[in-house]
Each structure stands twice: as structure tokens, then as C-alpha cells.
Amino acid sequence: MTTPIVIIGAGVAGLVCAIDLQKAGQSVQLLDAAPDVGGRVRTTVQDGLVIDHGFQVLFTAYPTLRSYLDLDALALRRFLPAARIAQGGQVSLIGDALRDPGLLVDTVLSRAVNVGDKLRLLALRRFAQQLAIDDCFAPRFAGVSTRAFLESRGFGSAVIDGFFAPFYGGILLDRTLATSASILLFTFKMLADGDTVIPAGGIGAITRQMAARLTPGTVRTRTAVSSLVVTNGRVTGVTLDDGSGLDAAQVVLATEAPAAERLAATAGVSLPAPAGARGCTTLYYTVRTSPIPGKALWLNAEPNAVISHAVTLTDVAPEYATGGRVLLAATAVGAAADRDDAALDAAARTELARMGGLSAEAVGFERVALWRVPYAQFAQPPGWREQRPSIACGIPGLWRASEVLHSSSLEGAARGGAMAAQALLHAT
């Protein structure tokens, strides 16, 4: 039998890498310690509720990831291209009227953002949309923070802290807006160029569909790798947690950065990894009455908010709950995400009810899940792209397929997987 290329990690990057290598006629074995494929892009169905492993969305404008998906088969459900800003007992809607003209009146009348900043938002949208994706990551954007970039475009502190901090805090997992402005422009472009959606079967439907493209037997879940095997200065296989070994023609690390760093160390390789991580915690509730109805994301613009953003998932995708139940997702980012379960739960109930002008008793919260993702993204401060690792890992036979090669996003993971496959095929 042909010795396979072993890919460790069946998330988006690993799946893309495996698809491309197998398409080129290579023998591939894809290993993952989890019970299912997907990495961070997974879904659990419990008691008729679709629970994503942390609140996530898909931008249909992602060009690389989209090329690996059958979007129609995913039964996508669309968010309104808008956000409701809740602060001081008031709720305002800001939307993209170019994508949905029905949002124009509410957006024009919104008091949360003044007229000048609304015009600046429109100008920023047009600016980002005209950029190519690679241009978004040019040094003049990658070298400055999101906050500094917004200030340079004339935005005031009220709209930066009241709109961008909660909205992009949800995308960047960083309400301080210290993340590189290149990520702001990249995501702004994706929002303008396409829809924001979730599959009816949960975000995990994306990676399940990708895995189905592989030859049966390619993927082995519940298979943890403890170390790499090195023979005569070359990586030649892996050792599994049960002590067994697997020979490999090449080994590809497609795990999160900390796990890749740990495994590379077993081969005597010091693998550069991004400094810092962005985590989030998402609480899921069923309720009698939703305090945050509709298909738009709700932003908590209070200065000391614990919950950054929330949405009534069943208003977007009714398939997320059976029996006519109403399912909410509320997400905390930054230091707030590290609070203990009881403190997060209490804050979420209070803040969600306040955002909708209801009492917690009237809402009727029942917590059905709490999902922590300590490493949801790697930190992407100004200058981070200059520190990106290479695909080759400094020892023959070991490669990297990861979002760290491009950006901490689903598109970045897909690009990282494709880049690794291309490098391997060129080398072999």
C-alpha cells in the first residue's frame, strides 16, 4: 500500500488540504482527536436544538472556502444585513440599505449614529468593496490598529465605541479594536460583497459537507496524535495516544497553533506561533418571549457590557429548534468571556432582558448550553503578518496547513489548507 500523507486536524484547513491532495491522486489519512470533523466549526444537536460550538456565521463572499462548498445544498439562512444597537434603554437599527433597501428608513432615522458618521460608514463600505482581498492586507492597513484606522477616517469616539466596538468586537473578538485594520477591511468587504448566513443544519454542516467529498476511510476521528516520529532527520510518521504508530510520506500540521507548536516540539522543531489568543463564550437559551427579536444581530453598546452581541437564532433559521421553541445565542468576548458559568449566566439574563426592555421573568430564560472557545482566533495586532510562519516547518517531511498562513477566519483556514496542498504537490 502507498504510504499516505498524514494530516493532523480535520478542521477547515485540514479538510481543504486533504481534498486538494486526494484530487491530485495522493493517498491521504486525516486524523482528529475529536469525535467529529470540523475543529472549531462543529455543531451538536441536543434535544432537538442545534447548538453550534460558539456563535459563528459564514460569509458567502469568501472566495476560496466557497469553491469547496455546495452552498445550495447547505440550505443557507440569511441574516439581515443590519445591527440593532442597544444602549441606555434605546434601540436603533443600522443597516446596509444597498444590500436591502428596506433598511433605508430605519437607518436614516437611527439616532445611534449621527449623519456624518453614517456617510463615513457608506464611504468605508465603498472603499473596502473596491479593494482586492490581497489589498486589504497591504502594509498601510496591516500596520495600524482598527481603532487608529477608524479615527484616521474621521469617525468619532461615540460611533467607534457605540457601534464598531460591539459589532467588530464580535468579529474580531476584541472590543478594544486593537486588531490590525486589515482584518476590519477584509471583513467589511466580505459583508458588502455577499450575505451573512448559517446553514439550516448548523455551522457544522459546512465541514461535514467537506468531509463527504473525501474517499471513505480517509478520515479517522477519535484518533489523537501524541508525537511525531523522526528517522534520519526526517519526519516519517506519527505516534498515537494509544501507543501505536502510523507511517507517513509527509506529515501536515492542521491543528490550532498551540497544538501544532507542541507536536512540532516532539520532532525537535521550534515552530513560530502567533502571540496571544482571542477567546469567546456563547450561552444558549430557550425563551418564552425573545427580548431581541428579528434577523439582525443585536449589539450591546453599554460601556461595561458582559454580553457583546446576541441574536435570536430561530428567527434566522427556524430549523435550529423543534416544537416551535425560541433559541437565543449570546456571546461574551475578551475578559468577560473568562467569567465563571454562574456569573456569565446571571449577566446574560440581566443584559438580554434590558436590551429588549423586558424583565427576566417575562422572558422566561432556560439555559440549554454554554460553550467556551478559549482559542477562537489568534491575535492579529498591527504587524502580525510579518511574523507569519512558513508552510515548510524546518525539518524534511513536516508541513503547516493553517489559518496562520493568511488570517484567523474561515477563509483564512481554507487558504492555509490550499496553500499547504500546493506546496506539497510542488515538492513531491
Protein backbone atom coordinates (compact mmCIF):
# COMPACT_ATOMS: atom_id res chain seq x y z
CA MET A 1 0.00 0.00 0.00
CA THR A 2 1.12 3.58 -0.67
CA THR A 3 2.36 5.34 2.45
CA PRO A 4 -0.14 8.16 2.99
CA ILE A 5 0.33 11.83 3.64
CA VAL A 6 -0.91 12.19 7.22
CA ILE A 7 -2.81 15.36 8.06
CA ILE A 8 -3.35 16.08 11.75
CA GLY A 9 -6.50 18.12 12.35
CA ALA A 10 -9.82 17.79 10.48
CA GLY A 11 -10.87 21.43 10.65
CA VAL A 12 -11.36 23.61 7.59
CA ALA A 13 -7.63 23.83 6.80
CA GLY A 14 -7.06 20.10 7.13
CA LEU A 15 -10.14 19.23 5.09
CA VAL A 16 -9.20 21.60 2.26
CA CYS A 17 -5.66 20.25 2.21
CA ALA A 18 -6.94 16.67 2.11
CA ILE A 19 -9.44 17.42 -0.68
CA ASP A 20 -6.77 19.01 -2.88
CA LEU A 21 -4.18 16.30 -2.27
CA GLN A 22 -6.66 13.50 -2.90
CA LYS A 23 -7.89 15.23 -6.05
CA ALA A 24 -4.28 15.21 -7.26
CA GLY A 25 -4.06 11.44 -6.73
CA GLN A 26 -2.24 11.42 -3.39
CA SER A 27 -3.00 8.91 -0.64
CA VAL A 28 -4.20 10.80 2.44
CA GLN A 29 -5.03 9.92 6.04
CA LEU A 30 -6.76 12.68 8.03
CA LEU A 31 -6.65 12.32 11.83
CA ASP A 32 -8.56 14.20 14.51
CA ALA A 33 -8.85 13.66 18.26
CA ALA A 34 -12.46 14.89 18.40
CA PRO A 35 -15.46 12.61 17.82
CA ASP A 36 -16.44 14.60 14.70
CA VAL A 37 -14.75 16.54 11.94
CA GLY A 38 -14.73 20.32 11.93
CA GLY A 39 -12.35 21.54 14.61
CA ARG A 40 -13.92 24.78 15.80
CA VAL A 41 -16.57 24.57 13.06
CA ARG A 42 -18.84 22.00 14.66
CA THR A 43 -22.44 21.59 15.75
CA THR A 44 -24.12 19.41 18.35
CA VAL A 45 -27.82 18.57 18.21
CA GLN A 46 -29.32 18.05 21.66
CA ASP A 47 -33.00 17.58 22.46
CA GLY A 48 -33.99 18.96 19.08
CA LEU A 49 -31.81 22.08 19.43
CA VAL A 50 -28.99 22.93 17.04
CA ILE A 51 -26.08 24.15 19.16
CA ASP A 52 -23.06 25.48 17.31
CA HIS A 53 -19.76 25.28 19.16
CA GLY A 54 -19.76 29.04 19.70
CA PHE A 55 -21.74 31.55 17.65
CA GLN A 56 -20.37 31.58 14.11
CA VAL A 57 -21.55 32.72 10.69
CA LEU A 58 -20.49 32.14 7.10
CA PHE A 59 -19.80 34.99 4.68
CA THR A 60 -20.90 33.76 1.25
CA ALA A 61 -18.37 36.11 -0.35
CA TYR A 62 -15.43 34.05 0.96
CA PRO A 63 -13.95 33.10 -2.47
CA THR A 64 -11.67 30.20 -1.51
CA LEU A 65 -13.94 28.49 1.00
CA ARG A 66 -16.94 28.89 -1.29
CA SER A 67 -15.13 26.93 -4.03
CA TYR A 68 -15.13 23.84 -1.76
CA LEU A 69 -18.83 24.07 -0.89
CA ASP A 70 -22.19 23.42 -2.48
CA LEU A 71 -23.94 26.44 -0.98
CA ASP A 72 -27.38 25.42 -2.24
CA ALA A 73 -27.13 22.04 -0.54
CA LEU A 74 -26.37 23.75 2.78
CA ALA A 75 -29.86 25.31 2.89
CA LEU A 76 -28.45 28.66 3.96
CA ARG A 77 -30.47 31.01 6.14
CA ARG A 78 -29.71 34.71 5.77
CA PHE A 79 -29.17 37.32 8.46
CA LEU A 80 -30.49 40.80 7.88
CA PRO A 81 -27.53 42.97 6.77
CA ALA A 82 -28.03 45.18 9.79
CA ALA A 83 -27.41 45.50 13.51
CA ARG A 84 -29.62 46.71 16.33
CA ILE A 85 -27.68 48.86 18.80
CA ALA A 86 -28.98 48.76 22.37
CA GLN A 87 -27.77 51.41 24.81
CA GLY A 88 -29.35 53.41 27.60
CA GLY A 89 -32.74 51.82 27.11
CA GLN A 90 -32.84 52.82 23.44
CA VAL A 91 -32.60 50.57 20.39
CA SER A 92 -31.52 51.76 16.93
CA LEU A 93 -31.10 49.85 13.70
CA ILE A 94 -28.16 50.47 11.35
CA GLY A 95 -28.28 48.53 8.11
CA ASP A 96 -26.77 48.20 4.67
CA ALA A 97 -29.52 49.73 2.54
CA LEU A 98 -27.52 48.99 -0.62
CA ARG A 99 -28.00 45.28 0.06
CA ASP A 100 -31.52 45.62 1.47
CA PRO A 101 -33.36 48.85 0.53
CA GLY A 102 -35.97 48.09 3.17
CA LEU A 103 -33.42 49.14 5.79
CA LEU A 104 -33.06 52.68 4.45
CA VAL A 105 -35.69 54.47 6.54
CA ASP A 106 -34.68 52.92 9.87
CA THR A 107 -31.01 53.58 9.15
CA VAL A 108 -31.60 57.21 8.20
CA LEU A 109 -33.72 57.80 11.31
CA SER A 110 -31.36 56.00 13.69
CA ARG A 111 -30.02 58.25 16.45
CA ALA A 112 -27.25 55.86 17.50
CA VAL A 113 -25.02 57.09 14.68
CA ASN A 114 -25.00 60.72 13.56
CA VAL A 115 -25.44 61.79 9.95
CA GLY A 116 -21.74 62.47 9.40
CA ASP A 117 -20.74 59.02 10.64
CA LYS A 118 -23.45 57.38 8.53
CA LEU A 119 -21.90 58.99 5.47
CA ARG A 120 -18.46 57.87 6.63
CA LEU A 121 -19.80 54.31 7.03
CA LEU A 122 -21.07 54.41 3.46
CA ALA A 123 -17.72 55.72 2.23
CA LEU A 124 -15.87 52.99 4.17
CA ARG A 125 -18.12 50.36 2.64
CA ARG A 126 -17.35 51.59 -0.87
CA PHE A 127 -13.64 51.86 -0.08
CA ALA A 128 -13.44 48.28 1.24
CA GLN A 129 -15.53 46.86 -1.59
CA GLN A 130 -13.21 48.35 -4.22
CA LEU A 131 -10.17 46.68 -2.67
CA ALA A 132 -8.97 43.25 -3.75
CA ILE A 133 -8.65 40.86 -0.83
CA ASP A 134 -4.86 40.95 -1.01
CA ASP A 135 -5.01 44.75 -0.96
CA CYS A 136 -6.83 44.64 2.38
CA PHE A 137 -3.65 43.16 3.83
CA ALA A 138 -1.29 45.77 2.40
CA PRO A 139 1.24 47.14 4.93
CA ARG A 140 -0.50 50.51 5.16
CA PHE A 141 -3.55 48.74 6.65
CA ALA A 142 -1.88 45.76 8.33
CA GLY A 143 0.45 48.07 10.27
CA VAL A 144 -2.21 50.09 12.10
CA SER A 145 -4.93 49.16 14.58
CA THR A 146 -8.61 49.17 13.71
CA ARG A 147 -9.24 51.99 16.18
CA ALA A 148 -6.45 54.16 14.75
CA PHE A 149 -7.64 53.49 11.20
CA LEU A 150 -11.23 54.47 12.05
CA GLU A 151 -10.02 57.65 13.73
CA SER A 152 -7.97 58.47 10.63
CA ARG A 153 -11.18 58.20 8.57
CA GLY A 154 -12.86 60.78 10.78
CA PHE A 155 -15.04 58.56 12.95
CA GLY A 156 -15.66 59.91 16.45
CA SER A 157 -15.45 58.07 19.74
CA ALA A 158 -19.25 57.76 20.01
CA VAL A 159 -19.60 55.62 16.87
CA ILE A 160 -16.32 53.78 17.46
CA ASP A 161 -17.32 52.73 20.98
CA GLY A 162 -21.05 52.51 20.35
CA PHE A 163 -21.08 50.65 17.04
CA PHE A 164 -17.68 49.37 15.92
CA ALA A 165 -16.60 48.07 19.35
CA PRO A 166 -19.60 45.75 19.85
CA PHE A 167 -20.04 44.87 16.15
CA TYR A 168 -16.43 44.28 15.24
CA GLY A 169 -15.77 43.10 18.77
CA GLY A 170 -17.93 40.17 17.73
CA ILE A 171 -15.99 39.57 14.51
CA LEU A 172 -12.52 40.33 15.84
CA LEU A 173 -13.30 39.07 19.38
CA ASP A 174 -11.68 42.29 20.54
CA ARG A 175 -13.84 45.20 21.71
CA THR A 176 -10.71 47.32 22.23
CA LEU A 177 -10.27 47.33 18.42
CA ALA A 178 -6.53 46.75 18.78
CA THR A 179 -6.66 44.21 15.93
CA SER A 180 -4.99 45.16 12.64
CA ALA A 181 -7.11 47.32 10.34
CA SER A 182 -6.50 44.82 7.54
CA ILE A 183 -8.97 42.45 9.23
CA LEU A 184 -11.54 45.24 9.50
CA LEU A 185 -11.28 45.95 5.77
CA PHE A 186 -11.29 42.28 4.80
CA THR A 187 -14.45 41.54 6.79
CA PHE A 188 -16.11 44.80 5.74
CA LYS A 189 -15.53 43.77 2.13
CA MET A 190 -17.00 40.30 2.76
CA LEU A 191 -20.08 41.85 4.38
CA ALA A 192 -20.57 44.18 1.41
CA ASP A 193 -19.91 41.57 -1.29
CA GLY A 194 -22.17 38.78 -0.04
CA ASP A 195 -24.63 37.51 2.54
CA THR A 196 -24.08 36.59 6.17
CA VAL A 197 -25.65 33.17 6.68
CA ILE A 198 -25.86 29.99 8.71
CA PRO A 199 -26.76 26.55 7.32
CA ALA A 200 -30.15 25.23 8.45
CA GLY A 201 -28.35 22.24 9.98
CA GLY A 202 -25.86 24.34 11.93
CA ILE A 203 -22.41 25.70 11.16
CA GLY A 204 -21.01 22.17 11.37
CA ALA A 205 -22.84 21.33 8.13
CA ILE A 206 -20.02 23.16 6.34
CA THR A 207 -17.27 20.82 7.48
CA ARG A 208 -19.49 17.73 7.28
CA GLN A 209 -20.12 18.53 3.62
CA MET A 210 -16.40 18.99 3.00
CA ALA A 211 -15.55 15.68 4.68
CA ALA A 212 -18.12 13.92 2.48
CA ARG A 213 -16.01 14.86 -0.55
CA LEU A 214 -13.18 12.62 0.66
CA THR A 215 -12.83 8.94 -0.13
CA PRO A 216 -14.45 6.76 2.57
CA GLY A 217 -11.89 5.78 5.19
CA THR A 218 -9.78 8.92 4.71
CA VAL A 219 -10.90 10.48 8.00
CA ARG A 220 -10.21 8.91 11.37
CA THR A 221 -11.83 10.72 14.31
CA ARG A 222 -11.21 9.96 17.99
CA THR A 223 -7.58 9.48 16.95
CA ALA A 224 -5.23 11.69 18.92
CA VAL A 225 -1.59 12.13 17.93
CA SER A 226 0.88 12.35 20.81
CA SER A 227 4.13 12.87 18.90
CA LEU A 228 5.91 12.87 15.57
CA VAL A 229 8.34 10.14 14.51
CA VAL A 230 11.71 11.28 13.17
CA THR A 231 14.02 8.95 11.25
CA ASN A 232 17.42 10.10 10.00
CA GLY A 233 16.46 13.75 10.34
CA ARG A 234 13.12 13.44 8.58
CA VAL A 235 9.56 13.19 9.90
CA THR A 236 8.36 9.75 8.82
CA GLY A 237 5.21 9.16 10.84
CA VAL A 238 3.19 9.80 13.97
CA THR A 239 2.65 8.09 17.29
CA LEU A 240 -0.94 7.93 18.52
CA ASP A 241 -2.13 8.29 22.09
CA ASP A 242 -2.72 4.55 22.34
CA GLY A 243 0.97 3.97 21.61
CA SER A 244 0.51 2.69 18.06
CA GLY A 245 2.31 4.25 15.12
CA LEU A 246 1.39 5.31 11.61
CA ASP A 247 3.94 5.69 8.83
CA ALA A 248 3.67 8.81 6.70
CA ALA A 249 5.16 10.01 3.44
CA GLN A 250 4.68 13.54 4.76
CA VAL A 251 3.00 14.98 7.88
CA VAL A 252 0.86 18.10 7.79
CA LEU A 253 0.01 20.03 10.96
CA ALA A 254 -3.51 21.43 10.50
CA THR A 255 -4.31 21.98 14.16
CA GLU A 256 -4.70 25.15 16.20
CA ALA A 257 -1.40 26.98 16.64
CA PRO A 258 -0.69 25.82 20.23
CA ALA A 259 -1.22 22.15 19.33
CA ALA A 260 0.93 22.50 16.21
CA GLU A 261 3.68 24.07 18.31
CA ARG A 262 3.51 21.22 20.84
CA LEU A 263 3.64 18.49 18.18
CA ALA A 264 6.49 20.13 16.28
CA ALA A 265 8.50 20.22 19.51
CA THR A 266 8.35 16.40 19.65
CA ALA A 267 10.38 16.45 16.42
CA GLY A 268 12.86 18.93 17.87
CA VAL A 269 11.39 21.82 15.90
CA SER A 270 10.60 25.21 17.38
CA LEU A 271 7.55 26.30 15.45
CA PRO A 272 6.69 30.01 15.44
CA ALA A 273 3.18 30.64 16.72
CA PRO A 274 1.11 33.83 16.94
CA ALA A 275 1.44 35.51 20.32
CA GLY A 276 -1.90 35.68 22.07
CA ALA A 277 -5.34 34.21 21.61
CA ARG A 278 -8.86 35.58 21.35
CA GLY A 279 -11.50 33.59 23.18
CA CYS A 280 -15.26 33.79 23.48
CA THR A 281 -18.06 32.15 25.42
CA THR A 282 -21.54 31.68 24.00
CA LEU A 283 -24.63 30.98 26.09
CA TYR A 284 -27.71 29.43 24.52
CA TYR A 285 -31.21 29.93 25.92
CA THR A 286 -34.71 28.92 25.05
CA VAL A 287 -37.23 31.60 25.98
CA ARG A 288 -40.98 32.21 26.07
CA THR A 289 -40.59 35.69 24.56
CA SER A 290 -37.45 36.88 22.82
CA PRO A 291 -36.14 40.22 24.09
CA ILE A 292 -34.02 40.54 20.92
CA PRO A 293 -36.31 39.51 18.03
CA GLY A 294 -35.56 39.60 14.33
CA LYS A 295 -32.89 38.51 11.86
CA ALA A 296 -30.40 41.25 12.72
CA LEU A 297 -27.55 40.89 15.19
CA TRP A 298 -28.12 42.81 18.44
CA LEU A 299 -25.17 44.80 19.80
CA ASN A 300 -24.82 45.64 23.48
CA ALA A 301 -23.24 49.09 23.38
CA GLU A 302 -23.15 49.62 27.15
CA PRO A 303 -19.60 50.57 28.23
CA ASN A 304 -19.21 47.71 30.73
CA ALA A 305 -21.17 45.08 28.84
CA VAL A 306 -20.55 41.42 29.55
CA ILE A 307 -22.57 40.20 26.58
CA SER A 308 -21.12 41.76 23.43
CA HIS A 309 -23.66 40.59 20.87
CA ALA A 310 -26.67 38.31 20.64
CA VAL A 311 -29.27 37.03 18.19
CA THR A 312 -32.48 35.04 18.12
CA LEU A 313 -31.22 32.11 16.08
CA THR A 314 -34.64 30.67 15.34
CA ASP A 315 -35.73 33.95 13.76
CA VAL A 316 -32.88 33.46 11.27
CA ALA A 317 -33.08 29.66 10.97
CA PRO A 318 -36.28 28.12 12.41
CA GLU A 319 -34.64 24.69 11.98
CA TYR A 320 -32.41 25.43 14.99
CA ALA A 321 -35.20 24.32 17.35
CA THR A 322 -38.07 21.87 17.12
CA GLY A 323 -41.51 22.26 18.63
CA GLY A 324 -41.78 25.98 17.95
CA ARG A 325 -39.20 26.83 20.61
CA VAL A 326 -37.24 30.09 20.50
CA LEU A 327 -33.45 29.77 20.73
CA LEU A 328 -31.10 32.67 21.55
CA ALA A 329 -27.32 32.88 21.40
CA ALA A 330 -25.45 35.48 23.49
CA THR A 331 -21.68 35.87 23.28
CA ALA A 332 -19.10 37.36 25.63
CA VAL A 333 -15.61 38.27 24.39
CA GLY A 334 -12.37 39.42 25.98
CA ALA A 335 -12.04 39.28 29.76
CA ALA A 336 -15.81 38.90 30.14
CA ALA A 337 -15.62 35.51 28.40
CA ASP A 338 -13.48 34.19 31.24
CA ARG A 339 -16.08 34.74 33.96
CA ASP A 340 -17.38 31.60 35.62
CA ASP A 341 -20.56 29.98 34.39
CA ALA A 342 -22.81 31.38 37.11
CA ALA A 343 -21.57 34.96 36.69
CA LEU A 344 -21.90 34.82 32.91
CA ASP A 345 -25.37 33.35 33.13
CA ALA A 346 -26.59 36.00 35.57
CA ALA A 347 -25.14 38.84 33.49
CA ALA A 348 -26.54 37.45 30.25
CA ARG A 349 -30.07 37.17 31.61
CA THR A 350 -29.95 40.70 33.00
CA GLU A 351 -28.40 42.32 29.92
CA LEU A 352 -30.51 40.49 27.35
CA ALA A 353 -33.73 41.39 29.17
CA ARG A 354 -32.59 45.03 29.50
CA MET A 355 -31.72 45.22 25.79
CA GLY A 356 -35.30 44.29 24.97
CA GLY A 357 -36.93 46.34 27.70
CA LEU A 358 -38.36 43.25 29.43
CA SER A 359 -37.97 41.58 32.80
CA ALA A 360 -36.08 38.30 33.05
CA GLU A 361 -39.28 36.72 34.37
CA ALA A 362 -41.22 37.82 31.30
CA VAL A 363 -38.53 36.41 29.00
CA GLY A 364 -38.51 33.02 30.75
CA PHE A 365 -34.86 32.09 30.22
CA GLU A 366 -33.85 28.43 30.23
CA ARG A 367 -30.15 27.92 29.64
CA VAL A 368 -29.59 24.93 27.39
CA ALA A 369 -25.86 25.20 26.65
CA LEU A 370 -22.73 27.19 27.40
CA TRP A 371 -19.83 26.83 25.01
CA ARG A 372 -16.34 28.13 25.71
CA VAL A 373 -13.82 28.54 22.90
CA PRO A 374 -10.57 29.72 24.54
CA TYR A 375 -8.73 29.74 21.20
CA ALA A 376 -11.39 31.02 18.80
CA GLN A 377 -8.88 33.19 16.94
CA PHE A 378 -5.21 34.00 17.20
CA ALA A 379 -4.37 37.61 18.00
CA GLN A 380 -3.84 39.77 14.90
CA PRO A 381 -2.33 43.07 16.10
CA PRO A 382 -0.63 45.54 13.77
CA GLY A 383 2.42 43.90 12.21
CA TRP A 384 1.28 40.32 12.81
CA ARG A 385 1.51 39.35 9.13
CA GLU A 386 5.25 40.00 9.15
CA GLN A 387 5.57 37.22 11.72
CA ARG A 388 3.60 34.55 9.84
CA PRO A 389 5.26 31.12 9.75
CA SER A 390 6.20 29.34 6.54
CA ILE A 391 4.45 26.24 5.21
CA ALA A 392 7.60 24.15 5.50
CA CYS A 393 8.42 23.61 9.16
CA GLY A 394 12.22 23.46 9.11
CA ILE A 395 12.58 19.68 9.01
CA PRO A 396 12.00 17.46 5.96
CA GLY A 397 8.62 15.78 5.89
CA LEU A 398 6.77 18.30 8.09
CA TRP A 399 4.39 20.97 6.78
CA ARG A 400 1.90 23.50 8.07
CA ALA A 401 -1.71 23.95 6.89
CA SER A 402 -3.36 26.62 8.97
CA GLU A 403 -5.21 29.91 9.15
CA VAL A 404 -1.95 31.41 10.50
CA LEU A 405 -0.75 31.46 6.88
CA HIS A 406 -3.42 34.01 5.96
CA SER A 407 -5.90 35.27 8.59
CA SER A 408 -7.90 33.98 11.53
CA SER A 409 -11.12 33.29 9.65
CA LEU A 410 -12.88 30.51 7.78
CA GLU A 411 -11.49 31.94 4.55
CA GLY A 412 -8.03 32.13 6.11
CA ALA A 413 -8.23 28.47 7.13
CA ALA A 414 -9.33 27.44 3.64
CA ARG A 415 -6.49 29.41 2.08
CA GLY A 416 -4.00 27.92 4.51
CA GLY A 417 -5.10 24.41 3.60
CA ALA A 418 -4.94 25.11 -0.12
CA MET A 419 -1.51 26.74 0.15
CA ALA A 420 -0.14 23.71 2.02
CA ALA A 421 -1.52 21.28 -0.56
CA GLN A 422 0.03 23.27 -3.40
CA ALA A 423 3.41 23.36 -1.65
CA LEU A 424 3.32 19.61 -1.01
CA LEU A 425 2.38 18.78 -4.58
CA HIS A 426 5.13 21.03 -5.89
CA ALA A 427 7.70 19.40 -3.58
CA THR A 428 6.67 15.84 -4.41
